C-alpha atoms as a PDB file:
ATOM      1  CA  MET A   1      13.466   4.509  -5.052  1.00  0.00           C
ATOM      2  CA  VAL A   2      15.616   4.969  -8.133  1.00  0.00           C
ATOM      3  CA  THR A   3      17.088   2.132 -10.152  1.00  0.00           C
ATOM      4  CA  VAL A   4      19.975   3.138 -12.381  1.00  0.00           C
ATOM      5  CA  ILE A   5      20.253   1.209 -15.633  1.00  0.00           C
ATOM      6  CA  LYS A   6      23.516   1.913 -17.405  1.00  0.00           C
ATOM      7  CA  LYS A   7      24.034   1.988 -21.135  1.00  0.00           C
ATOM      8  CA  GLY A   8      24.902  -1.425 -22.492  1.00  0.00           C
ATOM      9  CA  ALA A   9      23.101  -3.350 -19.752  1.00  0.00           C
ATOM     10  CA  THR A  10      21.755  -6.716 -20.820  1.00  0.00           C
ATOM     11  CA  LYS A  11      18.088  -7.626 -20.680  1.00  0.00           C
ATOM     12  CA  SER A  12      18.788 -10.144 -17.948  1.00  0.00           C
ATOM     13  CA  GLY A  13      20.682  -7.517 -15.945  1.00  0.00           C
ATOM     14  CA  ILE A  14      17.794  -5.082 -16.283  1.00  0.00           C
ATOM     15  CA  ALA A  15      15.297  -7.763 -15.270  1.00  0.00           C
ATOM     16  CA  GLU A  16      17.430  -8.616 -12.223  1.00  0.00           C
ATOM     17  CA  SER A  17      17.573  -4.936 -11.172  1.00  0.00           C
ATOM     18  CA  ILE A  18      13.801  -4.646 -11.468  1.00  0.00           C
ATOM     19  CA  ARG A  19      13.284  -7.871  -9.515  1.00  0.00           C
ATOM     20  CA  LYS A  20      15.545  -6.666  -6.695  1.00  0.00           C
ATOM     21  CA  ALA A  21      13.731  -3.324  -6.532  1.00  0.00           C
ATOM     22  CA  ALA A  22      10.343  -5.056  -6.417  1.00  0.00           C
ATOM     23  CA  ASN A  23      11.461  -7.313  -3.549  1.00  0.00           C
ATOM     24  CA  LYS A  24      12.534  -4.328  -1.449  1.00  0.00           C
ATOM     25  CA  ARG A  25       9.101  -2.718  -1.662  1.00  0.00           C
ATOM     26  CA  ASN A  26       7.127  -2.517   1.573  1.00  0.00           C
ATOM     27  CA  ARG A  27       4.473  -5.204   1.220  1.00  0.00           C
ATOM     28  CA  LYS A  28       3.009  -5.249   4.723  1.00  0.00           C
ATOM     29  CA  GLY A  29      -0.261  -3.631   3.712  1.00  0.00           C
ATOM     30  CA  LEU A  30      -3.259  -3.053   5.910  1.00  0.00           C
ATOM     31  CA  MET A  31      -4.336  -6.673   6.297  1.00  0.00           C
ATOM     32  CA  LYS A  32      -2.223  -6.976   9.444  1.00  0.00           C
ATOM     33  CA  LEU A  33      -4.523  -4.392  11.042  1.00  0.00           C
ATOM     34  CA  ALA A  34      -7.787  -6.052   9.975  1.00  0.00           C
ATOM     35  CA  GLY A  35      -9.967  -6.731  12.993  1.00  0.00           C
ATOM     36  CA  SER A  36      -7.619  -5.049  15.441  1.00  0.00           C
ATOM     37  CA  LEU A  37      -9.965  -2.161  16.282  1.00  0.00           C
ATOM     38  CA  LYS A  38     -12.466  -3.142  18.923  1.00  0.00           C
ATOM     39  CA  SER A  39     -15.318  -0.744  19.469  1.00  0.00           C
ATOM     40  CA  ASP A  40     -18.925  -0.661  20.583  1.00  0.00           C
ATOM     41  CA  ILE A  41     -19.681   2.259  18.253  1.00  0.00           C
ATOM     42  CA  ASP A  42     -22.139   1.651  15.407  1.00  0.00           C
ATOM     43  CA  LEU A  43     -20.168   2.805  12.389  1.00  0.00           C
ATOM     44  CA  MET A  44     -23.271   3.142  10.205  1.00  0.00           C
ATOM     45  CA  GLU A  45     -24.717   5.675  12.684  1.00  0.00           C
ATOM     46  CA  VAL A  46     -21.460   7.628  12.670  1.00  0.00           C
ATOM     47  CA  GLN A  47     -21.502   7.662   8.876  1.00  0.00           C
ATOM     48  CA  LYS A  48     -25.113   8.908   8.798  1.00  0.00           C
ATOM     49  CA  LYS A  49     -24.296  11.697  11.263  1.00  0.00           C
ATOM     50  CA  LEU A  50     -21.299  12.788   9.225  1.00  0.00           C
ATOM     51  CA  ARG A  51     -23.359  12.876   6.051  1.00  0.00           C
ATOM     52  CA  ASP A  52     -26.124  14.828   7.754  1.00  0.00           C
ATOM     53  CA  GLU A  53     -23.642  17.552   8.736  1.00  0.00           C
ATOM     54  CA  TRP A  54     -23.343  18.552   5.067  1.00  0.00           C
ATOM     55  CA  GLU A  55     -27.002  19.453   4.796  1.00  0.00           C
END
């Protein structure tokens, strides 16, 4: 996203533009997905197998 700040803008106007841009940012994050994957796979075993492939 681009915020245009014109010459002669006041500090309060610049701060307001920055605040508006920050509020539009996507803030959903990954926390909404936490715990949503249900599996009977042991992830530590998968990790060990993947690391063993390098050797």
